[in-house]
Amino acid sequence: MVLRFMYPDQDPPFAPLVWRVGVGLSLVFLLLFLLTRTLPLPFATPVGLAFLSPAPLDPLSLLMVLPEPFLLWLFWRHRP
């Protein structure tokens, strides 16, 4: 959104790249959060592969991931 103030009469030449990076990072963060809270994740041990239980849902992680759907909506609305 700040790029629109820097280039008021046209889209900046690098706007699609900034948009793709922002959407990609937001989607990765949201998907990783959902995966770690719903699926048992594997990890390597000296004996072999073991599975952790899904991470519990705590208030701090909810505060960190709560703005992501809103940010994705903003990215979609203001796409170049």
Protein backbone atom coordinates (compact mmCIF):
# COMPACT_ATOMS: atom_id res chain seq x y z
CA MET A 1 0.00 0.00 0.00
CA VAL A 2 2.93 2.33 0.63
CA LEU A 3 4.10 1.78 -2.94
CA ARG A 4 0.86 3.35 -4.16
CA PHE A 5 1.78 6.58 -2.30
CA MET A 6 5.28 6.58 -3.84
CA TYR A 7 3.88 6.12 -7.38
CA PRO A 8 0.49 7.92 -7.33
CA ASP A 9 -0.20 7.94 -11.07
CA GLN A 10 1.10 4.46 -12.02
CA ASP A 11 1.90 1.06 -10.60
CA PRO A 12 5.56 0.67 -9.60
CA PRO A 13 7.54 -1.67 -11.84
CA PHE A 14 8.31 -4.07 -8.97
CA ALA A 15 4.77 -4.21 -7.54
CA PRO A 16 4.00 -7.76 -8.78
CA LEU A 17 7.18 -9.07 -7.14
CA VAL A 18 6.37 -7.38 -3.81
CA TRP A 19 2.82 -8.73 -4.03
CA ARG A 20 3.98 -12.31 -4.73
CA VAL A 21 6.51 -12.26 -1.89
CA GLY A 22 3.95 -10.91 0.57
CA VAL A 23 1.27 -13.42 -0.38
CA GLY A 24 3.79 -16.27 -0.37
CA LEU A 25 5.13 -15.45 3.09
CA SER A 26 1.66 -15.00 4.51
CA LEU A 27 0.42 -18.28 3.04
CA VAL A 28 3.49 -20.20 4.24
CA PHE A 29 3.10 -18.81 7.76
CA LEU A 30 -0.61 -19.67 7.87
CA LEU A 31 -0.13 -23.17 6.42
CA LEU A 32 2.74 -23.99 8.78
CA PHE A 33 0.66 -22.87 11.72
CA LEU A 34 -2.27 -25.05 10.65
CA LEU A 35 -0.03 -28.06 9.96
CA THR A 36 1.73 -27.90 13.31
CA ARG A 37 -1.57 -27.57 15.16
CA THR A 38 -3.40 -30.41 13.39
CA LEU A 39 -0.90 -33.09 12.28
CA PRO A 40 1.70 -35.09 14.18
CA LEU A 41 5.06 -33.98 12.81
CA PRO A 42 7.87 -36.50 12.24
CA PHE A 43 11.41 -36.04 13.53
CA ALA A 44 14.52 -38.18 13.35
CA THR A 45 15.91 -40.06 16.37
CA PRO A 46 18.85 -42.46 16.64
CA VAL A 47 16.37 -45.36 16.70
CA GLY A 48 14.34 -44.16 13.72
CA LEU A 49 11.49 -41.86 12.81
CA ALA A 50 9.24 -40.69 15.64
CA PHE A 51 6.10 -38.57 15.62
CA LEU A 52 5.36 -35.64 17.91
CA SER A 53 1.84 -34.89 19.00
CA PRO A 54 0.30 -31.76 17.46
CA ALA A 55 1.25 -28.55 19.21
CA PRO A 56 -1.31 -27.15 21.62
CA LEU A 57 -3.18 -23.99 20.78
CA ASP A 58 -1.88 -21.18 22.98
CA PRO A 59 -2.89 -17.50 23.12
CA LEU A 60 0.45 -16.18 21.84
CA SER A 61 0.40 -18.29 18.69
CA LEU A 62 -3.21 -17.26 18.06
CA LEU A 63 -2.22 -13.60 18.36
CA MET A 64 0.59 -14.17 15.87
CA VAL A 65 -1.55 -15.91 13.25
CA LEU A 66 -4.83 -14.06 13.71
CA PRO A 67 -3.95 -11.17 11.32
CA GLU A 68 -2.90 -13.49 8.47
CA PRO A 69 -6.35 -14.01 6.89
CA PHE A 70 -6.93 -10.24 7.04
CA LEU A 71 -3.52 -9.59 5.45
CA LEU A 72 -4.27 -12.09 2.69
CA TRP A 73 -7.58 -10.31 2.06
CA LEU A 74 -5.71 -6.98 1.85
CA PHE A 75 -3.18 -8.46 -0.55
CA TRP A 76 -5.98 -9.86 -2.72
CA ARG A 77 -7.90 -6.59 -2.71
CA HIS A 78 -4.89 -4.42 -3.61
CA ARG A 79 -3.18 -6.76 -6.07
CA PRO A 80 -1.34 -5.10 -8.94
